[in-house]
């Protein structure tokens, strides 16, 4: 079996990409606000915003962890 090194040791890049994807999903759903509200799926929009907000916290946590590791 080959010894494969992980691509992202500290997780910062992974969390950054995920956070950006949540923001893109929010922006993509924003034009459909009225339709989402009518269909009872407005929570999709707020779930994307929550994912983005939590991602910002995650980025900070990963950066602090990277700084501690040296």
N, C-alpha and C. Protein backbone atom coordinates (compact mmCIF):
# COMPACT_ATOMS: atom_id res chain seq x y z
N UNK A 1 0.84 -1.17 0.00
CA UNK A 1 0.00 0.00 0.00
C UNK A 1 0.89 1.24 0.00
N UNK A 2 0.53 2.23 -0.80
CA UNK A 2 1.32 3.45 -0.92
C UNK A 2 1.09 4.36 0.27
N UNK A 3 2.14 5.02 0.70
CA UNK A 3 2.04 6.01 1.77
C UNK A 3 1.67 7.34 1.13
N UNK A 4 0.44 7.79 1.34
CA UNK A 4 -0.05 9.02 0.72
C UNK A 4 -0.18 10.09 1.80
N UNK A 5 0.44 11.23 1.55
CA UNK A 5 0.37 12.35 2.48
C UNK A 5 -0.97 13.07 2.32
N UNK A 6 -1.57 13.52 3.41
CA UNK A 6 -2.81 14.29 3.30
C UNK A 6 -2.57 15.62 2.60
N UNK A 7 -3.56 16.09 1.87
CA UNK A 7 -3.41 17.33 1.11
C UNK A 7 -3.49 18.56 2.00
N UNK A 8 -4.34 18.51 3.02
CA UNK A 8 -4.60 19.69 3.84
C UNK A 8 -4.43 19.30 5.31
N UNK A 9 -3.24 19.51 5.83
CA UNK A 9 -2.93 19.05 7.18
C UNK A 9 -3.70 19.78 8.27
N UNK A 10 -3.92 21.07 8.09
CA UNK A 10 -4.54 21.84 9.17
C UNK A 10 -6.03 22.09 8.95
N UNK A 11 -6.57 21.79 7.81
CA UNK A 11 -8.00 21.91 7.55
C UNK A 11 -8.46 23.30 7.15
N UNK A 12 -7.58 24.29 7.14
CA UNK A 12 -7.98 25.65 6.84
C UNK A 12 -8.55 25.75 5.43
N UNK A 13 -7.85 25.23 4.46
CA UNK A 13 -8.31 25.33 3.07
C UNK A 13 -9.65 24.61 2.88
N UNK A 14 -9.79 23.46 3.50
CA UNK A 14 -11.03 22.70 3.37
C UNK A 14 -12.21 23.48 3.94
N UNK A 15 -12.04 24.08 5.11
CA UNK A 15 -13.12 24.85 5.72
C UNK A 15 -13.39 26.12 4.92
N UNK A 16 -12.35 26.74 4.39
CA UNK A 16 -12.54 27.94 3.56
C UNK A 16 -13.37 27.62 2.33
N UNK A 17 -13.06 26.52 1.67
CA UNK A 17 -13.82 26.14 0.47
C UNK A 17 -15.27 25.84 0.82
N UNK A 18 -15.49 25.11 1.89
CA UNK A 18 -16.85 24.82 2.32
C UNK A 18 -17.64 26.08 2.65
N UNK A 19 -16.99 27.02 3.30
CA UNK A 19 -17.63 28.29 3.67
C UNK A 19 -18.02 29.08 2.43
N UNK A 20 -17.13 29.12 1.46
CA UNK A 20 -17.43 29.83 0.20
C UNK A 20 -18.59 29.14 -0.53
N UNK A 21 -18.63 27.83 -0.51
CA UNK A 21 -19.73 27.11 -1.17
C UNK A 21 -21.07 27.42 -0.51
N UNK A 22 -21.11 27.53 0.82
CA UNK A 22 -22.35 27.92 1.51
C UNK A 22 -22.78 29.32 1.09
N UNK A 23 -21.83 30.24 0.95
CA UNK A 23 -22.15 31.60 0.52
C UNK A 23 -22.69 31.60 -0.91
N UNK A 24 -22.08 30.83 -1.78
CA UNK A 24 -22.55 30.74 -3.17
C UNK A 24 -23.97 30.17 -3.20
N UNK A 25 -24.23 29.15 -2.39
CA UNK A 25 -25.58 28.57 -2.35
C UNK A 25 -26.59 29.61 -1.87
N UNK A 26 -26.22 30.40 -0.86
CA UNK A 26 -27.11 31.46 -0.37
C UNK A 26 -27.41 32.45 -1.48
N UNK A 27 -26.37 32.91 -2.16
CA UNK A 27 -26.54 33.90 -3.23
C UNK A 27 -27.35 33.32 -4.39
N UNK A 28 -27.19 32.03 -4.66
CA UNK A 28 -27.93 31.39 -5.75
C UNK A 28 -29.41 31.28 -5.41
N UNK A 29 -29.74 31.10 -4.14
CA UNK A 29 -31.13 30.96 -3.73
C UNK A 29 -31.82 32.30 -3.51
N UNK A 30 -31.06 33.35 -3.30
CA UNK A 30 -31.62 34.66 -2.97
C UNK A 30 -32.64 35.16 -4.00
N UNK A 31 -32.40 35.01 -5.31
CA UNK A 31 -33.42 35.47 -6.27
C UNK A 31 -34.75 34.72 -6.17
N UNK A 32 -34.74 33.57 -5.54
CA UNK A 32 -35.95 32.74 -5.43
C UNK A 32 -36.63 32.90 -4.07
N UNK A 33 -36.34 33.99 -3.38
CA UNK A 33 -36.87 34.22 -2.03
C UNK A 33 -38.39 34.04 -1.99
N UNK A 34 -39.09 34.67 -2.90
CA UNK A 34 -40.55 34.59 -2.92
C UNK A 34 -41.06 33.18 -3.13
N UNK A 35 -40.47 32.47 -4.06
CA UNK A 35 -40.90 31.09 -4.34
C UNK A 35 -40.59 30.18 -3.16
N UNK A 36 -39.44 30.40 -2.53
CA UNK A 36 -39.10 29.59 -1.36
C UNK A 36 -40.09 29.84 -0.22
N UNK A 37 -40.46 31.10 -0.06
CA UNK A 37 -41.40 31.46 1.00
C UNK A 37 -42.77 30.84 0.74
N UNK A 38 -43.23 30.90 -0.50
CA UNK A 38 -44.53 30.33 -0.86
C UNK A 38 -44.59 28.83 -0.65
N UNK A 39 -43.48 28.16 -0.92
CA UNK A 39 -43.46 26.69 -0.83
C UNK A 39 -43.07 26.18 0.56
N UNK A 40 -42.82 27.09 1.49
CA UNK A 40 -42.44 26.67 2.84
C UNK A 40 -41.00 26.20 2.95
N UNK A 41 -40.19 26.59 2.01
CA UNK A 41 -38.79 26.16 2.01
C UNK A 41 -37.84 27.32 2.22
N UNK A 42 -38.30 28.37 2.85
CA UNK A 42 -37.45 29.52 3.11
C UNK A 42 -36.27 29.16 4.02
N UNK A 43 -36.44 28.10 4.79
CA UNK A 43 -35.37 27.66 5.68
C UNK A 43 -34.12 27.26 4.89
N UNK A 44 -34.25 26.89 3.62
CA UNK A 44 -33.08 26.56 2.80
C UNK A 44 -32.13 27.75 2.76
N UNK A 45 -32.70 28.92 2.57
CA UNK A 45 -31.90 30.14 2.50
C UNK A 45 -31.15 30.37 3.80
N UNK A 46 -31.86 30.23 4.91
CA UNK A 46 -31.25 30.49 6.22
C UNK A 46 -30.29 29.38 6.63
N UNK A 47 -30.51 28.17 6.13
CA UNK A 47 -29.55 27.09 6.39
C UNK A 47 -28.21 27.41 5.71
N UNK A 48 -28.28 27.96 4.50
CA UNK A 48 -27.06 28.37 3.80
C UNK A 48 -26.34 29.48 4.56
N UNK A 49 -27.11 30.44 5.08
CA UNK A 49 -26.49 31.53 5.83
C UNK A 49 -25.86 31.01 7.12
N UNK A 50 -26.54 30.07 7.77
CA UNK A 50 -25.98 29.47 8.98
C UNK A 50 -24.69 28.70 8.67
N UNK A 51 -24.68 27.97 7.56
CA UNK A 51 -23.47 27.26 7.14
C UNK A 51 -22.31 28.21 6.89
N UNK A 52 -22.61 29.34 6.27
CA UNK A 52 -21.58 30.35 6.02
C UNK A 52 -21.08 30.93 7.34
N UNK A 53 -21.98 31.30 8.22
CA UNK A 53 -21.58 31.87 9.51
C UNK A 53 -20.76 30.91 10.36
N UNK A 54 -21.21 29.66 10.41
CA UNK A 54 -20.45 28.66 11.18
C UNK A 54 -19.10 28.39 10.52
N UNK A 55 -19.06 28.47 9.20
CA UNK A 55 -17.80 28.29 8.49
C UNK A 55 -16.79 29.36 8.86
N UNK A 56 -17.27 30.59 9.05
CA UNK A 56 -16.35 31.66 9.46
C UNK A 56 -15.72 31.35 10.82
N UNK A 57 -16.54 30.83 11.73
CA UNK A 57 -15.99 30.40 13.03
C UNK A 57 -15.00 29.25 12.84
N UNK A 58 -15.35 28.33 11.96
CA UNK A 58 -14.47 27.18 11.70
C UNK A 58 -13.13 27.59 11.15
N UNK A 59 -13.13 28.57 10.26
CA UNK A 59 -11.87 29.06 9.70
C UNK A 59 -10.98 29.60 10.82
N UNK A 60 -11.57 30.39 11.69
CA UNK A 60 -10.80 30.97 12.80
C UNK A 60 -10.24 29.88 13.71
N UNK A 61 -11.05 28.89 14.01
CA UNK A 61 -10.60 27.79 14.87
C UNK A 61 -9.45 27.04 14.21
N UNK A 62 -9.57 26.75 12.91
CA UNK A 62 -8.50 26.03 12.21
C UNK A 62 -7.22 26.86 12.12
N UNK A 63 -7.36 28.15 11.94
CA UNK A 63 -6.17 29.01 11.89
C UNK A 63 -5.48 29.06 13.24
N UNK A 64 -6.24 29.14 14.31
CA UNK A 64 -5.63 29.13 15.65
C UNK A 64 -4.94 27.80 15.92
N UNK A 65 -5.56 26.72 15.50
CA UNK A 65 -4.95 25.40 15.68
C UNK A 65 -3.66 25.29 14.89
N UNK A 66 -3.67 25.83 13.66
CA UNK A 66 -2.44 25.80 12.83
C UNK A 66 -1.34 26.61 13.49
N UNK A 67 -1.69 27.76 14.07
CA UNK A 67 -0.68 28.60 14.74
C UNK A 67 -0.10 27.90 15.96
N UNK A 68 -0.93 27.19 16.69
CA UNK A 68 -0.45 26.44 17.87
C UNK A 68 0.49 25.32 17.48
N UNK A 69 0.20 24.66 16.36
CA UNK A 69 1.03 23.55 15.92
C UNK A 69 2.39 24.01 15.43
N UNK A 70 2.49 25.27 15.07
CA UNK A 70 3.78 25.80 14.63
C UNK A 70 3.86 25.83 13.18
